[in-house]
Amino acid sequence: MIKYNRDDLKRFFTSLTPEEIAEINEKNQAEHEKQAAAFREGYKRDFCYLCGKPFKTISHSSPCSHWLLRRCKFKKKDFPRIYSIFSYHNIAAFLRWCANQEKFLININDLVQEKDNKKILNNCIRWKNIEWTVDCSFSDFSGHPGTAADFPHYHFQMRIDSKPFIDFSDFHIPFTNEDVFYLTLIQAKLLHHDFGTIGAGMQEAISVPLEKVLEHASSANNTNDATYHFSTMIDASQHPISGKEVLDIQQEAKHTGKSFALIAQQRLQGRATVNTIISPAESIPDIRSRHKHKR
């Protein structure tokens, strides 16, 4: 396992010209778009773009991340076959992409505000009846000296219908050299890494400016499909408004599919102060905690 020195990395990246950085970003974006297009096409047909086989197929001679969808006869003991070939970032990207095909953004809880500050990675991904949680503390990333896990690693939990399938304590999953490189850059704030729009989670959702959320948001018929929760307060103390006008705003929002907050801002401009607080919907998956076990 290669160890990277942050100072050396910083010197290297600061030595790059803007043109070199733009070229690297352009190549990475082109490759991402190519991979994402292949994934979408395969997903529509229930095929895995990585191995070219149906999701329901398991071939022990060619392990694949799609096994984690449990459409095939994947067992816990098979998991090392997957992570011995695919990096953390490869596995995470595939699971995030699948999750967003079912429900965009709300199936991925990667909120910074909910991440344990002792963790490098701490997020939960949901797809249909399956939940995957990734957990990596700073000590995990450094490795545990004097133990069999003295190498950079992470922990993984998988639940099917809320029942245990893989527990955090089952495996110490080694990061690849590529994983360590990217995570070191991210910690040193030398790189902003994401999984693209196709792999975006709730952290990206709440990072969208309030004005754009209000402009493009529409009411969800089912709260389980909602991305955001809006709390809107109207201060009309200077120019009181009638209950009928509030009802009219509600009816217009329902008729147009636009949010009550946006319609209220437009109709009451100059007559009342409309404050809206936007928070993640309650339907996003909870980040499962890893409990310490007594040795």
Protein backbone atom coordinates (compact mmCIF):
# COMPACT_ATOMS: atom_id res chain seq x y z
CA MET A 1 0.00 0.00 0.00
CA ILE A 2 1.39 3.37 -1.05
CA LYS A 3 1.37 6.24 1.44
CA TYR A 4 1.04 9.76 0.08
CA ASN A 5 2.59 12.83 1.64
CA ARG A 6 0.16 15.76 1.64
CA ASP A 7 2.93 18.34 1.25
CA ASP A 8 4.35 16.53 -1.77
CA LEU A 9 0.89 16.31 -3.32
CA LYS A 10 0.26 19.99 -2.66
CA ARG A 11 3.53 20.93 -4.34
CA PHE A 12 2.67 18.80 -7.34
CA PHE A 13 -0.83 20.19 -7.80
CA THR A 14 0.21 23.80 -7.30
CA SER A 15 2.84 23.28 -9.99
CA LEU A 16 0.19 22.47 -12.59
CA THR A 17 -0.84 25.22 -14.97
CA PRO A 18 -4.53 26.17 -15.39
CA GLU A 19 -4.39 24.63 -18.87
CA GLU A 20 -3.08 21.32 -17.51
CA ILE A 21 -5.78 21.24 -14.83
CA ALA A 22 -8.46 22.02 -17.42
CA GLU A 23 -7.19 19.21 -19.64
CA ILE A 24 -7.26 16.70 -16.75
CA ASN A 25 -10.80 17.76 -15.78
CA GLU A 26 -11.97 17.55 -19.40
CA LYS A 27 -10.63 14.01 -19.81
CA ASN A 28 -12.17 12.89 -16.51
CA GLN A 29 -15.54 14.40 -17.45
CA ALA A 30 -15.51 12.73 -20.87
CA GLU A 31 -14.76 9.34 -19.31
CA HIS A 32 -17.46 9.88 -16.67
CA GLU A 33 -20.08 10.70 -19.30
CA LYS A 34 -19.10 7.64 -21.33
CA GLN A 35 -19.40 5.37 -18.28
CA ALA A 36 -22.69 6.95 -17.17
CA ALA A 37 -24.26 6.54 -20.62
CA ALA A 38 -23.24 2.87 -20.74
CA PHE A 39 -24.63 2.32 -17.24
CA ARG A 40 -28.01 3.90 -18.06
CA GLU A 41 -28.40 1.85 -21.22
CA GLY A 42 -27.57 -1.38 -19.39
CA TYR A 43 -29.79 -0.56 -16.40
CA LYS A 44 -32.82 -0.12 -18.64
CA ARG A 45 -32.36 -3.71 -19.83
CA ASP A 46 -31.47 -5.13 -16.40
CA PHE A 47 -27.93 -5.65 -17.62
CA CYS A 48 -24.71 -4.68 -15.89
CA TYR A 49 -22.55 -2.39 -18.01
CA LEU A 50 -19.44 -3.50 -16.11
CA CYS A 51 -19.54 -7.21 -16.93
CA GLY A 52 -22.15 -7.26 -19.69
CA LYS A 53 -24.27 -9.86 -17.90
CA PRO A 54 -27.87 -9.66 -16.60
CA PHE A 55 -28.23 -8.46 -12.99
CA LYS A 56 -29.64 -11.87 -12.08
CA THR A 57 -26.43 -13.59 -13.19
CA ILE A 58 -23.55 -14.50 -10.89
CA SER A 59 -20.34 -15.81 -12.39
CA HIS A 60 -17.66 -16.66 -9.85
CA SER A 61 -15.01 -16.47 -12.54
CA SER A 62 -15.77 -12.77 -13.08
CA PRO A 63 -16.88 -11.04 -9.83
CA CYS A 64 -18.90 -7.85 -10.27
CA SER A 65 -20.39 -5.02 -8.24
CA HIS A 66 -23.87 -5.83 -9.52
CA TRP A 67 -23.92 -8.82 -7.17
CA LEU A 68 -24.63 -6.34 -4.37
CA LEU A 69 -28.07 -5.72 -5.88
CA ARG A 70 -28.87 -9.28 -4.76
CA ARG A 71 -30.73 -10.07 -7.94
CA CYS A 72 -28.52 -13.15 -8.14
CA LYS A 73 -27.56 -15.78 -5.54
CA PHE A 74 -24.93 -13.58 -3.94
CA LYS A 75 -23.84 -14.61 -0.44
CA LYS A 76 -21.89 -12.76 2.22
CA LYS A 77 -18.87 -15.00 1.72
CA ASP A 78 -18.69 -13.78 -1.90
CA PHE A 79 -18.14 -10.15 -0.90
CA PRO A 80 -14.31 -10.34 -0.77
CA ARG A 81 -14.38 -11.40 -4.42
CA ILE A 82 -15.93 -8.03 -5.24
CA TYR A 83 -13.73 -5.73 -3.19
CA SER A 84 -10.56 -7.56 -4.21
CA ILE A 85 -11.22 -6.28 -7.75
CA PHE A 86 -13.25 -3.09 -7.38
CA SER A 87 -12.11 -0.03 -5.42
CA TYR A 88 -14.27 1.75 -2.88
CA HIS A 89 -14.95 4.52 -5.40
CA ASN A 90 -15.93 1.99 -8.09
CA ILE A 91 -18.37 0.20 -5.77
CA ALA A 92 -19.80 3.43 -4.34
CA ALA A 93 -20.34 4.92 -7.80
CA PHE A 94 -22.22 1.86 -9.04
CA LEU A 95 -24.49 1.68 -5.98
CA ARG A 96 -25.19 5.42 -6.06
CA TRP A 97 -26.01 5.31 -9.75
CA CYS A 98 -28.46 2.43 -9.17
CA ALA A 99 -30.07 4.20 -6.20
CA ASN A 100 -30.73 7.32 -8.26
CA GLN A 101 -32.44 5.34 -11.01
CA GLU A 102 -35.20 4.53 -8.55
CA LYS A 103 -35.48 7.83 -6.65
CA PHE A 104 -33.18 10.70 -7.49
CA LEU A 105 -31.13 12.22 -4.62
CA ILE A 106 -33.32 11.05 -1.71
CA ASN A 107 -31.96 7.50 -1.78
CA ILE A 108 -28.48 8.72 -0.83
CA ASN A 109 -27.82 10.20 2.59
CA ASP A 110 -24.36 11.74 2.41
CA LEU A 111 -25.24 14.83 4.43
CA VAL A 112 -22.21 16.42 6.03
CA GLN A 113 -24.36 17.58 8.95
CA GLU A 114 -25.23 13.97 9.76
CA LYS A 115 -21.71 12.58 9.31
CA ASP A 116 -19.80 11.78 12.47
CA ASN A 117 -16.90 14.26 12.69
CA LYS A 118 -14.62 11.35 13.54
CA LYS A 119 -15.35 9.78 10.18
CA ILE A 120 -13.84 10.20 6.76
CA LEU A 121 -16.68 8.28 5.12
CA ASN A 122 -20.11 7.92 6.66
CA ASN A 123 -23.06 7.57 4.30
CA CYS A 124 -26.05 5.38 3.48
CA ILE A 125 -27.43 4.34 0.09
CA ARG A 126 -30.85 2.80 -0.50
CA TRP A 127 -32.07 0.87 -3.54
CA LYS A 128 -35.47 -0.82 -3.49
CA ASN A 129 -35.41 -3.05 -0.35
CA ILE A 130 -31.65 -2.85 0.20
CA GLU A 131 -29.55 -0.40 2.22
CA TRP A 132 -25.77 -0.14 2.10
CA THR A 133 -23.81 1.89 4.66
CA VAL A 134 -20.14 2.81 4.39
CA ASP A 135 -18.14 3.76 7.46
CA CYS A 136 -14.50 4.79 7.76
CA SER A 137 -12.96 6.57 10.75
CA PHE A 138 -9.64 8.39 10.73
CA SER A 139 -8.10 5.47 12.61
CA ASP A 140 -9.48 3.04 10.01
CA PHE A 141 -7.85 5.09 7.28
CA SER A 142 -4.53 5.06 9.11
CA GLY A 143 -4.78 1.35 9.90
CA HIS A 144 -4.78 -0.24 13.34
CA PRO A 145 -1.14 -0.86 14.38
CA GLY A 146 -0.43 -4.24 15.91
CA THR A 147 -3.57 -5.84 14.49
CA ALA A 148 -4.49 -7.80 11.38
CA ALA A 149 -6.14 -4.59 10.12
CA ASP A 150 -2.95 -2.50 9.99
CA PHE A 151 -3.80 -1.03 6.60
CA PRO A 152 -6.17 1.69 5.30
CA HIS A 153 -9.62 0.18 5.24
CA TYR A 154 -13.35 0.83 5.55
CA HIS A 155 -16.37 -1.00 6.91
CA PHE A 156 -19.52 -1.95 5.05
CA GLN A 157 -23.02 -2.89 6.13
CA MET A 158 -25.78 -4.33 3.97
CA ARG A 159 -29.39 -4.75 5.01
CA ILE A 160 -32.12 -6.52 3.00
CA ASP A 161 -35.69 -5.77 4.11
CA SER A 162 -34.07 -4.22 7.20
CA LYS A 163 -32.54 -7.60 8.09
CA PRO A 164 -28.77 -8.15 8.52
CA PHE A 165 -26.89 -9.51 5.52
CA ILE A 166 -23.41 -8.02 5.93
CA ASP A 167 -22.38 -6.41 9.23
CA PHE A 168 -19.77 -3.71 9.79
CA SER A 169 -17.68 -6.15 11.82
CA ASP A 170 -17.59 -8.84 9.12
CA PHE A 171 -14.86 -7.33 6.96
CA HIS A 172 -11.99 -4.84 7.05
CA ILE A 173 -12.14 -3.80 3.41
CA PRO A 174 -8.80 -2.52 2.08
CA PHE A 175 -8.69 0.70 0.14
CA THR A 176 -6.85 0.53 -3.16
CA ASN A 177 -3.88 2.82 -3.85
CA GLU A 178 -6.23 4.89 -6.02
CA ASP A 179 -8.70 5.22 -3.13
CA VAL A 180 -5.95 6.34 -0.74
CA PHE A 181 -4.70 8.85 -3.32
CA TYR A 182 -8.12 10.44 -3.82
CA LEU A 183 -9.07 10.42 -0.13
CA THR A 184 -5.73 12.00 0.81
CA LEU A 185 -6.31 14.75 -1.75
CA ILE A 186 -9.86 15.33 -0.48
CA GLN A 187 -8.70 15.57 3.15
CA ALA A 188 -5.96 18.00 2.12
CA LYS A 189 -8.62 20.06 0.28
CA LEU A 190 -6.67 19.67 -2.96
CA LEU A 191 -9.50 17.94 -4.76
CA HIS A 192 -13.27 18.17 -4.90
CA HIS A 193 -14.58 14.72 -5.72
CA ASP A 194 -18.15 13.79 -6.51
CA PHE A 195 -19.97 11.06 -8.38
CA GLY A 196 -21.45 13.34 -11.03
CA THR A 197 -25.11 14.25 -11.40
CA ILE A 198 -26.04 10.60 -11.88
CA GLY A 199 -24.54 9.77 -8.48
CA ALA A 200 -25.51 12.90 -6.57
CA GLY A 201 -26.94 12.62 -3.06
CA MET A 202 -28.70 14.83 -0.54
CA GLN A 203 -25.57 16.87 0.16
CA GLU A 204 -25.65 18.12 -3.43
CA ALA A 205 -29.40 18.65 -3.14
CA ILE A 206 -29.15 21.00 -0.16
CA SER A 207 -26.20 22.82 -1.75
CA VAL A 208 -28.45 24.16 -4.51
CA PRO A 209 -29.21 27.88 -3.96
CA LEU A 210 -32.60 28.49 -2.31
CA GLU A 211 -33.86 30.58 -5.23
CA LYS A 212 -33.22 27.77 -7.71
CA VAL A 213 -34.87 25.18 -5.49
CA LEU A 214 -38.00 27.33 -5.19
CA GLU A 215 -38.02 28.05 -8.92
CA HIS A 216 -37.80 24.43 -10.04
CA ALA A 217 -39.41 22.50 -7.16
CA SER A 218 -42.84 20.95 -7.58
CA SER A 219 -45.18 19.44 -5.02
CA ALA A 220 -44.86 15.71 -4.40
CA ASN A 221 -48.06 13.68 -4.31
CA ASN A 222 -46.36 11.23 -1.95
CA THR A 223 -44.13 12.49 0.85
CA ASN A 224 -41.92 9.43 0.35
CA ASP A 225 -41.00 10.83 -3.07
CA ALA A 226 -40.17 14.32 -1.79
CA THR A 227 -36.58 15.58 -1.94
CA TYR A 228 -37.08 18.57 0.34
CA HIS A 229 -39.26 19.63 3.24
CA PHE A 230 -40.42 23.26 3.07
CA SER A 231 -41.41 25.29 6.13
CA THR A 232 -42.85 28.65 5.08
CA MET A 233 -43.72 31.51 7.41
CA ILE A 234 -45.59 34.63 6.29
CA ASP A 235 -45.22 37.87 8.24
CA ALA A 236 -48.05 40.17 7.16
CA SER A 237 -48.17 42.29 10.32
CA GLN A 238 -47.82 45.55 8.37
CA HIS A 239 -50.34 44.67 5.66
CA PRO A 240 -52.67 41.91 6.90
CA ILE A 241 -53.84 39.40 4.30
CA SER A 242 -57.06 37.43 4.33
CA GLY A 243 -57.47 33.72 4.85
CA LYS A 244 -59.04 33.59 1.40
CA GLU A 245 -55.84 34.85 -0.19
CA VAL A 246 -53.81 32.20 1.63
CA LEU A 247 -56.29 29.61 0.37
CA ASP A 248 -55.97 31.00 -3.16
CA ILE A 249 -52.18 30.61 -2.93
CA GLN A 250 -52.61 27.01 -1.81
CA GLN A 251 -55.01 26.31 -4.68
CA GLU A 252 -52.69 27.89 -7.25
CA ALA A 253 -49.76 25.84 -5.93
CA LYS A 254 -51.85 22.68 -6.20
CA HIS A 255 -53.11 23.56 -9.69
CA THR A 256 -49.71 24.54 -11.12
CA GLY A 257 -47.61 21.99 -9.22
CA LYS A 258 -45.37 24.78 -8.00
CA SER A 259 -44.43 25.18 -4.36
CA PHE A 260 -46.58 27.18 -1.95
CA ALA A 261 -43.44 29.11 -0.98
CA LEU A 262 -42.79 30.30 -4.54
CA ILE A 263 -46.40 31.34 -5.19
CA ALA A 264 -46.53 33.15 -1.84
CA GLN A 265 -43.35 35.07 -2.61
CA GLN A 266 -44.67 36.11 -6.01
CA ARG A 267 -48.18 37.13 -4.90
CA LEU A 268 -47.27 38.81 -1.63
CA GLN A 269 -44.19 40.69 -2.79
CA GLY A 270 -44.09 44.13 -1.18
CA ARG A 271 -46.99 43.30 1.16
CA ALA A 272 -45.57 40.57 3.38
CA THR A 273 -42.30 38.89 4.28
CA VAL A 274 -42.15 35.27 3.23
CA ASN A 275 -39.44 33.17 4.87
CA THR A 276 -38.87 29.59 3.78
CA ILE A 277 -36.66 27.03 5.45
CA ILE A 278 -35.67 24.12 3.24
CA SER A 279 -34.46 20.90 4.83
CA PRO A 280 -33.90 17.34 3.59
CA ALA A 281 -37.04 15.22 3.34
CA GLU A 282 -37.66 12.81 6.20
CA SER A 283 -37.80 9.91 3.74
CA ILE A 284 -34.03 9.79 3.19
CA PRO A 285 -32.32 6.74 4.71
CA ASP A 286 -30.72 7.02 8.13
CA ILE A 287 -26.95 6.69 8.34
CA ARG A 288 -26.49 3.55 10.40
CA SER A 289 -23.96 3.77 13.20
CA ARG A 290 -21.13 1.34 13.81
CA HIS A 291 -21.08 0.34 17.45
CA LYS A 292 -17.84 -0.57 19.12
CA HIS A 293 -17.60 -4.10 20.41
CA LYS A 294 -15.84 -5.13 23.58
CA ARG A 295 -12.73 -7.09 22.84
